[in-house]
């Protein structure tokens, strides 16, 4: 689990992972591989909240140093 908190280009690996998931969802919706419906929007909202949460953890870690 400590690996996921490792910093790369100013962000933790887990932050990068969530951002890549968001890009994949957007790509799949734009190419019509995923439907653009309430379920997709809800999943995207959860991923966005996870991204903000991971940024918050990164910031807390920076302040604790």
C-alpha atoms as a PDB file:
ATOM      1  CA  UNK A   1       0.000   0.000   0.000  1.00  0.00           C
ATOM      2  CA  UNK A   2       2.948   2.295   0.590  1.00  0.00           C
ATOM      3  CA  UNK A   3       3.757   2.046  -3.129  1.00  0.00           C
ATOM      4  CA  UNK A   4       0.461   3.759  -3.979  1.00  0.00           C
ATOM      5  CA  UNK A   5       1.479   6.750  -1.831  1.00  0.00           C
ATOM      6  CA  UNK A   6       4.791   7.113  -3.683  1.00  0.00           C
ATOM      7  CA  UNK A   7       5.063  10.477  -5.415  1.00  0.00           C
ATOM      8  CA  UNK A   8       5.506  10.767  -9.166  1.00  0.00           C
ATOM      9  CA  UNK A   9       5.512  14.203 -10.823  1.00  0.00           C
ATOM     10  CA  UNK A  10       4.073  15.818  -7.703  1.00  0.00           C
ATOM     11  CA  UNK A  11       1.172  13.381  -7.228  1.00  0.00           C
ATOM     12  CA  UNK A  12       0.774   9.989  -5.658  1.00  0.00           C
ATOM     13  CA  UNK A  13       0.465   6.913  -7.863  1.00  0.00           C
ATOM     14  CA  UNK A  14      -3.133   6.416  -6.692  1.00  0.00           C
ATOM     15  CA  UNK A  15      -4.012   9.926  -7.946  1.00  0.00           C
ATOM     16  CA  UNK A  16      -2.571   9.091 -11.350  1.00  0.00           C
ATOM     17  CA  UNK A  17      -4.507   5.808 -11.383  1.00  0.00           C
ATOM     18  CA  UNK A  18      -7.851   7.543 -10.731  1.00  0.00           C
ATOM     19  CA  UNK A  19      -7.106  10.158 -13.405  1.00  0.00           C
ATOM     20  CA  UNK A  20      -6.323   7.448 -15.962  1.00  0.00           C
ATOM     21  CA  UNK A  21      -9.629   5.754 -15.114  1.00  0.00           C
ATOM     22  CA  UNK A  22     -11.424   9.054 -15.752  1.00  0.00           C
ATOM     23  CA  UNK A  23      -9.680   9.450 -19.123  1.00  0.00           C
ATOM     24  CA  UNK A  24     -10.610   5.890 -20.114  1.00  0.00           C
ATOM     25  CA  UNK A  25     -14.268   6.498 -19.220  1.00  0.00           C
ATOM     26  CA  UNK A  26     -14.320   9.723 -21.235  1.00  0.00           C
ATOM     27  CA  UNK A  27     -12.663   8.012 -24.197  1.00  0.00           C
ATOM     28  CA  UNK A  28     -15.088   5.093 -24.146  1.00  0.00           C
ATOM     29  CA  UNK A  29     -18.110   7.397 -23.968  1.00  0.00           C
ATOM     30  CA  UNK A  30     -16.802   9.517 -26.850  1.00  0.00           C
ATOM     31  CA  UNK A  31     -16.307   6.443 -29.052  1.00  0.00           C
ATOM     32  CA  UNK A  32     -19.733   5.062 -28.024  1.00  0.00           C
ATOM     33  CA  UNK A  33     -18.294   1.978 -26.339  1.00  0.00           C
ATOM     34  CA  UNK A  34     -20.037   3.041 -23.113  1.00  0.00           C
ATOM     35  CA  UNK A  35     -23.522   4.512 -22.992  1.00  0.00           C
ATOM     36  CA  UNK A  36     -23.906   8.106 -21.866  1.00  0.00           C
ATOM     37  CA  UNK A  37     -26.505   7.535 -19.165  1.00  0.00           C
ATOM     38  CA  UNK A  38     -27.085   8.099 -15.454  1.00  0.00           C
ATOM     39  CA  UNK A  39     -24.986   5.070 -14.470  1.00  0.00           C
ATOM     40  CA  UNK A  40     -21.953   6.334 -16.387  1.00  0.00           C
ATOM     41  CA  UNK A  41     -22.380   9.819 -14.960  1.00  0.00           C
ATOM     42  CA  UNK A  42     -22.618   8.383 -11.430  1.00  0.00           C
ATOM     43  CA  UNK A  43     -19.479   6.283 -11.928  1.00  0.00           C
ATOM     44  CA  UNK A  44     -17.672   9.353 -13.263  1.00  0.00           C
ATOM     45  CA  UNK A  45     -18.808  11.416 -10.263  1.00  0.00           C
ATOM     46  CA  UNK A  46     -17.453   8.773  -7.882  1.00  0.00           C
ATOM     47  CA  UNK A  47     -14.125   8.716  -9.728  1.00  0.00           C
ATOM     48  CA  UNK A  48     -13.944  12.520  -9.520  1.00  0.00           C
ATOM     49  CA  UNK A  49     -14.574  12.375  -5.767  1.00  0.00           C
ATOM     50  CA  UNK A  50     -11.824   9.768  -5.428  1.00  0.00           C
ATOM     51  CA  UNK A  51      -9.446  12.036  -7.346  1.00  0.00           C
ATOM     52  CA  UNK A  52     -10.203  14.955  -5.014  1.00  0.00           C
ATOM     53  CA  UNK A  53      -9.827  12.654  -2.000  1.00  0.00           C
ATOM     54  CA  UNK A  54      -6.408  11.464  -3.193  1.00  0.00           C
ATOM     55  CA  UNK A  55      -5.321  15.083  -3.787  1.00  0.00           C
ATOM     56  CA  UNK A  56      -6.438  15.893  -0.251  1.00  0.00           C
ATOM     57  CA  UNK A  57      -4.359  13.040   1.141  1.00  0.00           C
ATOM     58  CA  UNK A  58      -1.350  14.240  -0.877  1.00  0.00           C
ATOM     59  CA  UNK A  59      -1.757  17.732   0.515  1.00  0.00           C
ATOM     60  CA  UNK A  60      -2.085  16.476   4.108  1.00  0.00           C
ATOM     61  CA  UNK A  61       1.082  14.451   3.639  1.00  0.00           C
ATOM     62  CA  UNK A  62       2.920  17.569   2.382  1.00  0.00           C
ATOM     63  CA  UNK A  63       1.798  19.637   5.377  1.00  0.00           C
ATOM     64  CA  UNK A  64       2.865  16.976   7.874  1.00  0.00           C
ATOM     65  CA  UNK A  65       6.498  17.192   6.746  1.00  0.00           C
END
